[in-house]
Amino acid sequence: MSVKVRNNNINAALRVFKRMYSDKMFDFKEKQYFEKPSRKKHKAKLAAKSRERKRIAEQNQLRTRRRVHASI
């Protein structure tokens, strides 16, 4: 793995490196140890529940804002 550093701009090179290898690093972290399929399903369900709770909370927040603006 290599990234060229131009004009001694290390921050830009680091951004390029992260963009190029982010998915590969994620796969490496994911495969460091064996995870049972049932545990993967459990994690996926928990993530889905969390996303749904967040979506509902955002909808409720928008509704309350609309009510406040409508009453003004």
PDB file of N, CA and C in Angstrom:
ATOM      1  N   MET A   1       0.846  -1.178   0.000  1.00  0.00           N
ATOM      2  CA  MET A   1       0.000   0.000   0.000  1.00  0.00           C
ATOM      3  C   MET A   1       0.887   1.235   0.000  1.00  0.00           C
ATOM      4  N   SER A   2       0.619   2.123  -0.922  1.00  0.00           N
ATOM      5  CA  SER A   2       1.402   3.347  -0.952  1.00  0.00           C
ATOM      6  C   SER A   2       0.553   4.489  -1.496  1.00  0.00           C
ATOM      7  N   VAL A   3       0.837   5.657  -0.980  1.00  0.00           N
ATOM      8  CA  VAL A   3       0.172   6.876  -1.418  1.00  0.00           C
ATOM      9  C   VAL A   3       1.247   7.937  -1.566  1.00  0.00           C
ATOM     10  N   LYS A   4       1.218   8.668  -2.665  1.00  0.00           N
ATOM     11  CA  LYS A   4       2.223   9.704  -2.877  1.00  0.00           C
ATOM     12  C   LYS A   4       1.880  10.942  -2.059  1.00  0.00           C
ATOM     13  N   VAL A   5       2.879  11.487  -1.397  1.00  0.00           N
ATOM     14  CA  VAL A   5       2.726  12.730  -0.638  1.00  0.00           C
ATOM     15  C   VAL A   5       3.252  13.846  -1.518  1.00  0.00           C
ATOM     16  N   ARG A   6       2.402  14.780  -1.850  1.00  0.00           N
ATOM     17  CA  ARG A   6       2.793  15.886  -2.726  1.00  0.00           C
ATOM     18  C   ARG A   6       2.911  17.171  -1.916  1.00  0.00           C
ATOM     19  N   ASN A   7       3.964  17.905  -2.155  1.00  0.00           N
ATOM     20  CA  ASN A   7       4.212  19.200  -1.500  1.00  0.00           C
ATOM     21  C   ASN A   7       4.192  19.082   0.020  1.00  0.00           C
ATOM     22  N   ASN A   8       4.671  17.976   0.533  1.00  0.00           N
ATOM     23  CA  ASN A   8       4.718  17.736   1.989  1.00  0.00           C
ATOM     24  C   ASN A   8       3.348  17.881   2.657  1.00  0.00           C
ATOM     25  N   ASN A   9       2.290  17.618   1.911  1.00  0.00           N
ATOM     26  CA  ASN A   9       0.935  17.716   2.450  1.00  0.00           C
ATOM     27  C   ASN A   9       0.497  16.331   2.926  1.00  0.00           C
ATOM     28  N   ILE A  10       0.815  16.041   4.157  1.00  0.00           N
ATOM     29  CA  ILE A  10       0.525  14.719   4.721  1.00  0.00           C
ATOM     30  C   ILE A  10      -0.967  14.539   4.964  1.00  0.00           C
ATOM     31  N   ASN A  11      -1.665  15.595   5.333  1.00  0.00           N
ATOM     32  CA  ASN A  11      -3.104  15.482   5.603  1.00  0.00           C
ATOM     33  C   ASN A  11      -3.871  15.051   4.357  1.00  0.00           C
ATOM     34  N   ALA A  12      -3.526  15.616   3.219  1.00  0.00           N
ATOM     35  CA  ALA A  12      -4.199  15.235   1.975  1.00  0.00           C
ATOM     36  C   ALA A  12      -3.889  13.787   1.630  1.00  0.00           C
ATOM     37  N   ALA A  13      -2.646  13.377   1.823  1.00  0.00           N
ATOM     38  CA  ALA A  13      -2.266  11.995   1.531  1.00  0.00           C
ATOM     39  C   ALA A  13      -2.998  11.039   2.456  1.00  0.00           C
ATOM     40  N   LEU A  14      -3.166  11.424   3.708  1.00  0.00           N
ATOM     41  CA  LEU A  14      -3.884  10.576   4.657  1.00  0.00           C
ATOM     42  C   LEU A  14      -5.354  10.427   4.262  1.00  0.00           C
ATOM     43  N   ARG A  15      -5.963  11.519   3.807  1.00  0.00           N
ATOM     44  CA  ARG A  15      -7.360  11.447   3.341  1.00  0.00           C
ATOM     45  C   ARG A  15      -7.481  10.490   2.163  1.00  0.00           C
ATOM     46  N   VAL A  16      -6.541  10.590   1.209  1.00  0.00           N
ATOM     47  CA  VAL A  16      -6.563   9.708   0.039  1.00  0.00           C
ATOM     48  C   VAL A  16      -6.401   8.253   0.478  1.00  0.00           C
ATOM     49  N   PHE A  17      -5.473   8.015   1.397  1.00  0.00           N
ATOM     50  CA  PHE A  17      -5.246   6.664   1.896  1.00  0.00           C
ATOM     51  C   PHE A  17      -6.501   6.098   2.542  1.00  0.00           C
ATOM     52  N   LYS A  18      -7.148   6.888   3.393  1.00  0.00           N
ATOM     53  CA  LYS A  18      -8.362   6.414   4.072  1.00  0.00           C
ATOM     54  C   LYS A  18      -9.461   6.106   3.076  1.00  0.00           C
ATOM     55  N   ARG A  19      -9.590   6.941   2.059  1.00  0.00           N
ATOM     56  CA  ARG A  19     -10.632   6.730   1.056  1.00  0.00           C
ATOM     57  C   ARG A  19     -10.359   5.457   0.253  1.00  0.00           C
ATOM     58  N   MET A  20      -9.084   5.228  -0.097  1.00  0.00           N
ATOM     59  CA  MET A  20      -8.731   4.080  -0.922  1.00  0.00           C
ATOM     60  C   MET A  20      -8.882   2.757  -0.182  1.00  0.00           C
ATOM     61  N   TYR A  21      -8.540   2.734   1.092  1.00  0.00           N
ATOM     62  CA  TYR A  21      -8.460   1.476   1.808  1.00  0.00           C
ATOM     63  C   TYR A  21      -9.494   1.314   2.912  1.00  0.00           C
ATOM     64  N   SER A  22     -10.504   2.163   2.942  1.00  0.00           N
ATOM     65  CA  SER A  22     -11.479   2.074   4.029  1.00  0.00           C
ATOM     66  C   SER A  22     -12.252   0.759   4.004  1.00  0.00           C
ATOM     67  N   ASP A  23     -12.700   0.341   2.827  1.00  0.00           N
ATOM     68  CA  ASP A  23     -13.469  -0.906   2.755  1.00  0.00           C
ATOM     69  C   ASP A  23     -12.593  -2.123   3.040  1.00  0.00           C
ATOM     70  N   LYS A  24     -11.341  -2.091   2.624  1.00  0.00           N
ATOM     71  CA  LYS A  24     -10.441  -3.219   2.886  1.00  0.00           C
ATOM     72  C   LYS A  24     -10.128  -3.337   4.365  1.00  0.00           C
ATOM     73  N   MET A  25      -9.944  -2.214   5.025  1.00  0.00           N
ATOM     74  CA  MET A  25      -9.653  -2.240   6.455  1.00  0.00           C
ATOM     75  C   MET A  25     -10.873  -2.745   7.223  1.00  0.00           C
ATOM     76  N   PHE A  26     -12.072  -2.352   6.769  1.00  0.00           N
ATOM     77  CA  PHE A  26     -13.292  -2.813   7.425  1.00  0.00           C
ATOM     78  C   PHE A  26     -13.406  -4.331   7.308  1.00  0.00           C
ATOM     79  N   ASP A  27     -13.124  -4.869   6.116  1.00  0.00           N
ATOM     80  CA  ASP A  27     -13.179  -6.315   5.922  1.00  0.00           C
ATOM     81  C   ASP A  27     -12.161  -7.019   6.806  1.00  0.00           C
ATOM     82  N   PHE A  28     -10.980  -6.443   6.927  1.00  0.00           N
ATOM     83  CA  PHE A  28      -9.945  -7.052   7.764  1.00  0.00           C
ATOM     84  C   PHE A  28     -10.389  -7.094   9.222  1.00  0.00           C
ATOM     85  N   LYS A  29     -10.943  -5.991   9.711  1.00  0.00           N
ATOM     86  CA  LYS A  29     -11.402  -5.959  11.100  1.00  0.00           C
ATOM     87  C   LYS A  29     -12.525  -6.969  11.316  1.00  0.00           C
ATOM     88  N   GLU A  30     -13.378  -7.091  10.314  1.00  0.00           N
ATOM     89  CA  GLU A  30     -14.519  -7.993  10.422  1.00  0.00           C
ATOM     90  C   GLU A  30     -14.083  -9.457  10.467  1.00  0.00           C
ATOM     91  N   LYS A  31     -13.003  -9.779   9.779  1.00  0.00           N
ATOM     92  CA  LYS A  31     -12.569 -11.174   9.673  1.00  0.00           C
ATOM     93  C   LYS A  31     -11.445 -11.533  10.642  1.00  0.00           C
ATOM     94  N   GLN A  32     -11.199 -10.709  11.641  1.00  0.00           N
ATOM     95  CA  GLN A  32     -10.137 -11.021  12.585  1.00  0.00           C
ATOM     96  C   GLN A  32     -10.476 -12.252  13.415  1.00  0.00           C
ATOM     97  N   TYR A  33     -11.743 -12.488  13.638  1.00  0.00           N
ATOM     98  CA  TYR A  33     -12.148 -13.651  14.421  1.00  0.00           C
ATOM     99  C   TYR A  33     -13.446 -14.188  13.830  1.00  0.00           C
ATOM    100  N   PHE A  34     -13.704 -15.466  14.095  1.00  0.00           N
ATOM    101  CA  PHE A  34     -14.905 -16.096  13.569  1.00  0.00           C
ATOM    102  C   PHE A  34     -16.121 -15.663  14.371  1.00  0.00           C
ATOM    103  N   GLU A  35     -17.191 -15.348  13.650  1.00  0.00           N
ATOM    104  CA  GLU A  35     -18.440 -14.983  14.301  1.00  0.00           C
ATOM    105  C   GLU A  35     -19.528 -15.924  13.792  1.00  0.00           C
ATOM    106  N   LYS A  36     -20.231 -16.533  14.719  1.00  0.00           N
ATOM    107  CA  LYS A  36     -21.262 -17.488  14.337  1.00  0.00           C
ATOM    108  C   LYS A  36     -22.351 -16.785  13.537  1.00  0.00           C
ATOM    109  N   PRO A  37     -22.951 -17.486  12.567  1.00  0.00           N
ATOM    110  CA  PRO A  37     -24.007 -16.887  11.762  1.00  0.00           C
ATOM    111  C   PRO A  37     -25.184 -16.377  12.602  1.00  0.00           C
ATOM    112  N   SER A  38     -25.514 -17.079  13.680  1.00  0.00           N
ATOM    113  CA  SER A  38     -26.623 -16.631  14.520  1.00  0.00           C
ATOM    114  C   SER A  38     -26.284 -15.297  15.185  1.00  0.00           C
ATOM    115  N   ARG A  39     -25.022 -15.118  15.548  1.00  0.00           N
ATOM    116  CA  ARG A  39     -24.593 -13.857  16.169  1.00  0.00           C
ATOM    117  C   ARG A  39     -24.622 -12.719  15.146  1.00  0.00           C
ATOM    118  N   LYS A  40     -24.259 -13.018  13.896  1.00  0.00           N
ATOM    119  CA  LYS A  40     -24.324 -12.004  12.831  1.00  0.00           C
ATOM    120  C   LYS A  40     -25.765 -11.547  12.632  1.00  0.00           C
ATOM    121  N   LYS A  41     -26.694 -12.514  12.611  1.00  0.00           N
ATOM    122  CA  LYS A  41     -28.109 -12.169  12.454  1.00  0.00           C
ATOM    123  C   LYS A  41     -28.588 -11.315  13.614  1.00  0.00           C
ATOM    124  N   HIS A  42     -28.169 -11.676  14.813  1.00  0.00           N
ATOM    125  CA  HIS A  42     -28.565 -10.930  16.012  1.00  0.00           C
ATOM    126  C   HIS A  42     -28.060  -9.486  15.928  1.00  0.00           C
ATOM    127  N   LYS A  43     -26.808  -9.299  15.516  1.00  0.00           N
ATOM    128  CA  LYS A  43     -26.252  -7.960  15.378  1.00  0.00           C
ATOM    129  C   LYS A  43     -27.007  -7.155  14.316  1.00  0.00           C
ATOM    130  N   ALA A  44     -27.347  -7.818  13.207  1.00  0.00           N
ATOM    131  CA  ALA A  44     -28.070  -7.143  12.133  1.00  0.00           C
ATOM    132  C   ALA A  44     -29.451  -6.695  12.604  1.00  0.00           C
ATOM    133  N   LYS A  45     -30.141  -7.547  13.371  1.00  0.00           N
ATOM    134  CA  LYS A  45     -31.458  -7.186  13.891  1.00  0.00           C
ATOM    135  C   LYS A  45     -31.370  -6.013  14.859  1.00  0.00           C
ATOM    136  N   LEU A  46     -30.349  -6.026  15.719  1.00  0.00           N
ATOM    137  CA  LEU A  46     -30.162  -4.906  16.655  1.00  0.00           C
ATOM    138  C   LEU A  46     -29.900  -3.612  15.898  1.00  0.00           C
ATOM    139  N   ALA A  47     -29.095  -3.676  14.851  1.00  0.00           N
ATOM    140  CA  ALA A  47     -28.806  -2.481  14.056  1.00  0.00           C
ATOM    141  C   ALA A  47     -30.069  -1.969  13.371  1.00  0.00           C
ATOM    142  N   ALA A  48     -30.898  -2.881  12.866  1.00  0.00           N
ATOM    143  CA  ALA A  48     -32.148  -2.486  12.211  1.00  0.00           C
ATOM    144  C   ALA A  48     -33.090  -1.816  13.204  1.00  0.00           C
ATOM    145  N   LYS A  49     -33.179  -2.369  14.412  1.00  0.00           N
ATOM    146  CA  LYS A  49     -34.036  -1.767  15.439  1.00  0.00           C
ATOM    147  C   LYS A  49     -33.551  -0.360  15.793  1.00  0.00           C
ATOM    148  N   SER A  50     -32.258  -0.214  15.901  1.00  0.00           N
ATOM    149  CA  SER A  50     -31.679   1.090  16.224  1.00  0.00           C
ATOM    150  C   SER A  50     -31.975   2.103  15.119  1.00  0.00           C
ATOM    151  N   ARG A  51     -31.811   1.692  13.861  1.00  0.00           N
ATOM    152  CA  ARG A  51     -32.112   2.589  12.732  1.00  0.00           C
ATOM    153  C   ARG A  51     -33.581   2.999  12.740  1.00  0.00           C
ATOM    154  N   GLU A  52     -34.457   2.036  13.003  1.00  0.00           N
ATOM    155  CA  GLU A  52     -35.895   2.324  13.015  1.00  0.00           C
ATOM    156  C   GLU A  52     -36.246   3.295  14.137  1.00  0.00           C
ATOM    157  N   ARG A  53     -35.675   3.086  15.326  1.00  0.00           N
ATOM    158  CA  ARG A  53     -35.924   4.009  16.443  1.00  0.00           C
ATOM    159  C   ARG A  53     -35.461   5.420  16.101  1.00  0.00           C
ATOM    160  N   LYS A  54     -34.316   5.505  15.459  1.00  0.00           N
ATOM    161  CA  LYS A  54     -33.781   6.812  15.069  1.00  0.00           C
ATOM    162  C   LYS A  54     -34.696   7.481  14.036  1.00  0.00           C
ATOM    163  N   ARG A  55     -35.182   6.702  13.061  1.00  0.00           N
ATOM    164  CA  ARG A  55     -36.058   7.246  12.027  1.00  0.00           C
ATOM    165  C   ARG A  55     -37.357   7.765  12.632  1.00  0.00           C
ATOM    166  N   ILE A  56     -37.927   6.995  13.552  1.00  0.00           N
ATOM    167  CA  ILE A  56     -39.177   7.391  14.203  1.00  0.00           C
ATOM    168  C   ILE A  56     -38.965   8.638  15.050  1.00  0.00           C
ATOM    169  N   ALA A  57     -37.847   8.712  15.757  1.00  0.00           N
ATOM    170  CA  ALA A  57     -37.557   9.890  16.580  1.00  0.00           C
ATOM    171  C   ALA A  57     -37.433  11.140  15.708  1.00  0.00           C
ATOM    172  N   GLU A  58     -36.787  11.007  14.549  1.00  0.00           N
ATOM    173  CA  GLU A  58     -36.656  12.145  13.640  1.00  0.00           C
ATOM    174  C   GLU A  58     -38.016  12.567  13.094  1.00  0.00           C
ATOM    175  N   GLN A  59     -38.882  11.595  12.786  1.00  0.00           N
ATOM    176  CA  GLN A  59     -40.229  11.932  12.303  1.00  0.00           C
ATOM    177  C   GLN A  59     -41.014  12.672  13.372  1.00  0.00           C
ATOM    178  N   ASN A  60     -40.946  12.192  14.608  1.00  0.00           N
ATOM    179  CA  ASN A  60     -41.663  12.850  15.696  1.00  0.00           C
ATOM    180  C   ASN A  60     -41.157  14.261  15.914  1.00  0.00           C
ATOM    181  N   GLN A  61     -39.856  14.453  15.791  1.00  0.00           N
ATOM    182  CA  GLN A  61     -39.279  15.769  15.964  1.00  0.00           C
ATOM    183  C   GLN A  61     -39.776  16.716  14.870  1.00  0.00           C
ATOM    184  N   LEU A  62     -39.871  16.229  13.633  1.00  0.00           N
ATOM    185  CA  LEU A  62     -40.383  17.065  12.542  1.00  0.00           C
ATOM    186  C   LEU A  62     -41.845  17.416  12.770  1.00  0.00           C
ATOM    187  N   ARG A  63     -42.619  16.458  13.251  1.00  0.00           N
ATOM    188  CA  ARG A  63     -44.040  16.723  13.506  1.00  0.00           C
ATOM    189  C   ARG A  63     -44.223  17.799  14.562  1.00  0.00           C
ATOM    190  N   THR A  64     -43.434  17.728  15.637  1.00  0.00           N
ATOM    191  CA  THR A  64     -43.570  18.739  16.689  1.00  0.00           C
ATOM    192  C   THR A  64     -43.130  20.100  16.180  1.00  0.00           C
ATOM    193  N   ARG A  65     -42.122  20.151  15.327  1.00  0.00           N
ATOM    194  CA  ARG A  65     -41.705  21.434  14.752  1.00  0.00           C
ATOM    195  C   ARG A  65     -42.802  22.021  13.878  1.00  0.00           C
ATOM    196  N   ARG A  66     -43.445  21.173  13.090  1.00  0.00           N
ATOM    197  CA  ARG A  66     -44.516  21.653  12.215  1.00  0.00           C
ATOM    198  C   ARG A  66     -45.678  22.209  13.031  1.00  0.00           C
ATOM    199  N   ARG A  67     -45.993  21.547  14.146  1.00  0.00           N
ATOM    200  CA  ARG A  67     -47.081  22.023  15.001  1.00  0.00           C
ATOM    201  C   ARG A  67     -46.750  23.377  15.598  1.00  0.00           C
ATOM    202  N   VAL A  68     -45.511  23.552  16.023  1.00  0.00           N
ATOM    203  CA  VAL A  68     -45.101  24.822  16.598  1.00  0.00           C
ATOM    204  C   VAL A  68     -45.187  25.921  15.559  1.00  0.00           C
ATOM    205  N   HIS A  69     -44.707  25.655  14.342  1.00  0.00           N
ATOM    206  CA  HIS A  69     -44.739  26.657  13.297  1.00  0.00           C
ATOM    207  C   HIS A  69     -46.170  26.942  12.833  1.00  0.00           C
ATOM    208  N   ALA A  70     -47.008  25.953  12.849  1.00  0.00           N
ATOM    209  CA  ALA A  70     -48.389  26.137  12.405  1.00  0.00           C
ATOM    210  C   ALA A  70     -49.185  26.975  13.404  1.00  0.00           C
ATOM    211  N   SER A  71     -48.836  26.898  14.683  1.00  0.00           N
ATOM    212  CA  SER A  71     -49.577  27.650  15.688  1.00  0.00           C
ATOM    213  C   SER A  71     -49.157  29.106  15.735  1.00  0.00           C
ATOM    214  N   ILE A  72     -48.050  29.448  15.161  1.00  0.00           N
ATOM    215  CA  ILE A  72     -47.565  30.844  15.189  1.00  0.00           C
ATOM    216  C   ILE A  72     -48.298  31.702  14.246  1.00  0.00           C
TER     217      ILE A  72
END
